[in-house]
Amino acid sequence: MIETSRIKEHMPVVGSDGGHVGTIDHLDGQRIKLTKTDPEAGGHHHFIHVDSIASVEDGQVRLNRTTAEAKDEWATA
């Protein structure tokens, strides 16, 4: 299980393939809320469940999914 206390605002979120998924707005329960101002967000907040996190290291959140998979799964509410 990932230590969610290590997740901080404005950390980049990357897929397992190294692609940019988004930027952390804040932790919302068991979900990461991404900023809506990120170029990938299209003006909407997106959410990714913490189960998708592989690691938090080197100032970024790395997912256990590719960038495309993460974007296919993210929620807007």
C-alpha atoms as a PDB file:
ATOM      1  CA  MET A   1       0.000   0.000   0.000  1.00  0.00           C
ATOM      2  CA  ILE A   2       1.256   3.462  -0.905  1.00  0.00           C
ATOM      3  CA  GLU A   3       1.856   6.023   1.837  1.00  0.00           C
ATOM      4  CA  THR A   4      -0.617   8.658   0.706  1.00  0.00           C
ATOM      5  CA  SER A   5       0.928  11.198   3.107  1.00  0.00           C
ATOM      6  CA  ARG A   6       3.811  11.448   0.611  1.00  0.00           C
ATOM      7  CA  ILE A   7       1.482  12.793  -2.090  1.00  0.00           C
ATOM      8  CA  LYS A   8       1.738  16.587  -2.278  1.00  0.00           C
ATOM      9  CA  GLU A   9       0.049  19.340  -4.267  1.00  0.00           C
ATOM     10  CA  HIS A  10       1.541  20.138  -7.661  1.00  0.00           C
ATOM     11  CA  MET A  11       3.391  16.810  -8.000  1.00  0.00           C
ATOM     12  CA  PRO A  12       3.339  15.505 -11.565  1.00  0.00           C
ATOM     13  CA  VAL A  13       1.545  12.218 -12.219  1.00  0.00           C
ATOM     14  CA  VAL A  14       3.092   9.928 -14.821  1.00  0.00           C
ATOM     15  CA  GLY A  15       2.025   6.654 -16.351  1.00  0.00           C
ATOM     16  CA  SER A  16       4.091   3.473 -16.190  1.00  0.00           C
ATOM     17  CA  ASP A  17       5.346   4.408 -19.664  1.00  0.00           C
ATOM     18  CA  GLY A  18       6.641   7.772 -18.382  1.00  0.00           C
ATOM     19  CA  GLY A  19       3.952   9.855 -20.089  1.00  0.00           C
ATOM     20  CA  HIS A  20       2.424  12.871 -18.357  1.00  0.00           C
ATOM     21  CA  VAL A  21      -1.060  12.161 -16.960  1.00  0.00           C
ATOM     22  CA  GLY A  22      -1.643  15.304 -14.906  1.00  0.00           C
ATOM     23  CA  THR A  23      -0.719  17.381 -11.871  1.00  0.00           C
ATOM     24  CA  ILE A  24      -1.917  16.788  -8.301  1.00  0.00           C
ATOM     25  CA  ASP A  25      -4.495  19.244  -7.001  1.00  0.00           C
ATOM     26  CA  HIS A  26      -5.019  17.336  -3.741  1.00  0.00           C
ATOM     27  CA  LEU A  27      -5.888  13.984  -2.225  1.00  0.00           C
ATOM     28  CA  ASP A  28      -9.648  13.470  -1.964  1.00  0.00           C
ATOM     29  CA  GLY A  29     -10.217  10.408   0.217  1.00  0.00           C
ATOM     30  CA  GLN A  30      -8.987   7.411  -1.779  1.00  0.00           C
ATOM     31  CA  ARG A  31      -8.678   9.391  -4.983  1.00  0.00           C
ATOM     32  CA  ILE A  32      -6.161  11.845  -6.386  1.00  0.00           C
ATOM     33  CA  LYS A  33      -7.782  14.989  -7.740  1.00  0.00           C
ATOM     34  CA  LEU A  34      -5.852  16.415 -10.681  1.00  0.00           C
ATOM     35  CA  THR A  35      -5.706  20.124 -11.502  1.00  0.00           C
ATOM     36  CA  LYS A  36      -8.077  21.328 -14.176  1.00  0.00           C
ATOM     37  CA  THR A  37      -5.490  23.813 -15.455  1.00  0.00           C
ATOM     38  CA  ASP A  38      -3.089  21.077 -16.558  1.00  0.00           C
ATOM     39  CA  PRO A  39      -2.798  20.918 -20.380  1.00  0.00           C
ATOM     40  CA  GLU A  40      -3.982  17.261 -20.307  1.00  0.00           C
ATOM     41  CA  ALA A  41      -7.119  18.062 -18.266  1.00  0.00           C
ATOM     42  CA  GLY A  42      -9.162  19.908 -20.863  1.00  0.00           C
ATOM     43  CA  GLY A  43     -10.444  22.353 -18.226  1.00  0.00           C
ATOM     44  CA  HIS A  44     -11.878  19.635 -15.955  1.00  0.00           C
ATOM     45  CA  HIS A  45     -10.776  18.073 -12.693  1.00  0.00           C
ATOM     46  CA  HIS A  46     -10.068  14.359 -13.100  1.00  0.00           C
ATOM     47  CA  PHE A  47      -9.758  11.721 -10.403  1.00  0.00           C
ATOM     48  CA  ILE A  48      -7.535   8.660 -10.179  1.00  0.00           C
ATOM     49  CA  HIS A  49      -7.958   6.028  -7.464  1.00  0.00           C
ATOM     50  CA  VAL A  50      -4.950   5.517  -5.183  1.00  0.00           C
ATOM     51  CA  ASP A  51      -4.927   1.822  -6.165  1.00  0.00           C
ATOM     52  CA  SER A  52      -3.482   3.022  -9.479  1.00  0.00           C
ATOM     53  CA  ILE A  53      -0.315   4.321  -7.809  1.00  0.00           C
ATOM     54  CA  ALA A  54       2.829   2.225  -8.179  1.00  0.00           C
ATOM     55  CA  SER A  55       5.173   4.605  -6.325  1.00  0.00           C
ATOM     56  CA  VAL A  56       5.762   8.101  -5.034  1.00  0.00           C
ATOM     57  CA  GLU A  57       9.405   8.973  -5.618  1.00  0.00           C
ATOM     58  CA  ASP A  58      11.677  11.605  -7.124  1.00  0.00           C
ATOM     59  CA  GLY A  59       8.973  14.234  -6.662  1.00  0.00           C
ATOM     60  CA  GLN A  60       6.375  12.480  -8.791  1.00  0.00           C
ATOM     61  CA  VAL A  61       3.555   9.973  -8.588  1.00  0.00           C
ATOM     62  CA  ARG A  62       4.098   7.008 -10.901  1.00  0.00           C
ATOM     63  CA  LEU A  63       1.080   4.897 -11.831  1.00  0.00           C
ATOM     64  CA  ASN A  64       0.844   1.170 -12.446  1.00  0.00           C
ATOM     65  CA  ARG A  65      -0.969   1.896 -15.697  1.00  0.00           C
ATOM     66  CA  THR A  66       0.170   3.466 -18.939  1.00  0.00           C
ATOM     67  CA  THR A  67      -0.741   7.063 -19.647  1.00  0.00           C
ATOM     68  CA  ALA A  68      -3.478   5.980 -22.077  1.00  0.00           C
ATOM     69  CA  GLU A  69      -4.938   3.456 -19.603  1.00  0.00           C
ATOM     70  CA  ALA A  70      -5.025   6.061 -16.829  1.00  0.00           C
ATOM     71  CA  LYS A  71      -6.826   8.550 -19.046  1.00  0.00           C
ATOM     72  CA  ASP A  72      -9.329   5.899 -20.144  1.00  0.00           C
ATOM     73  CA  GLU A  73     -10.102   5.143 -16.470  1.00  0.00           C
ATOM     74  CA  TRP A  74     -10.093   8.601 -14.888  1.00  0.00           C
ATOM     75  CA  ALA A  75     -13.351  10.017 -13.590  1.00  0.00           C
ATOM     76  CA  THR A  76     -14.596  13.605 -13.679  1.00  0.00           C
ATOM     77  CA  ALA A  77     -16.794  13.358 -10.569  1.00  0.00           C
END
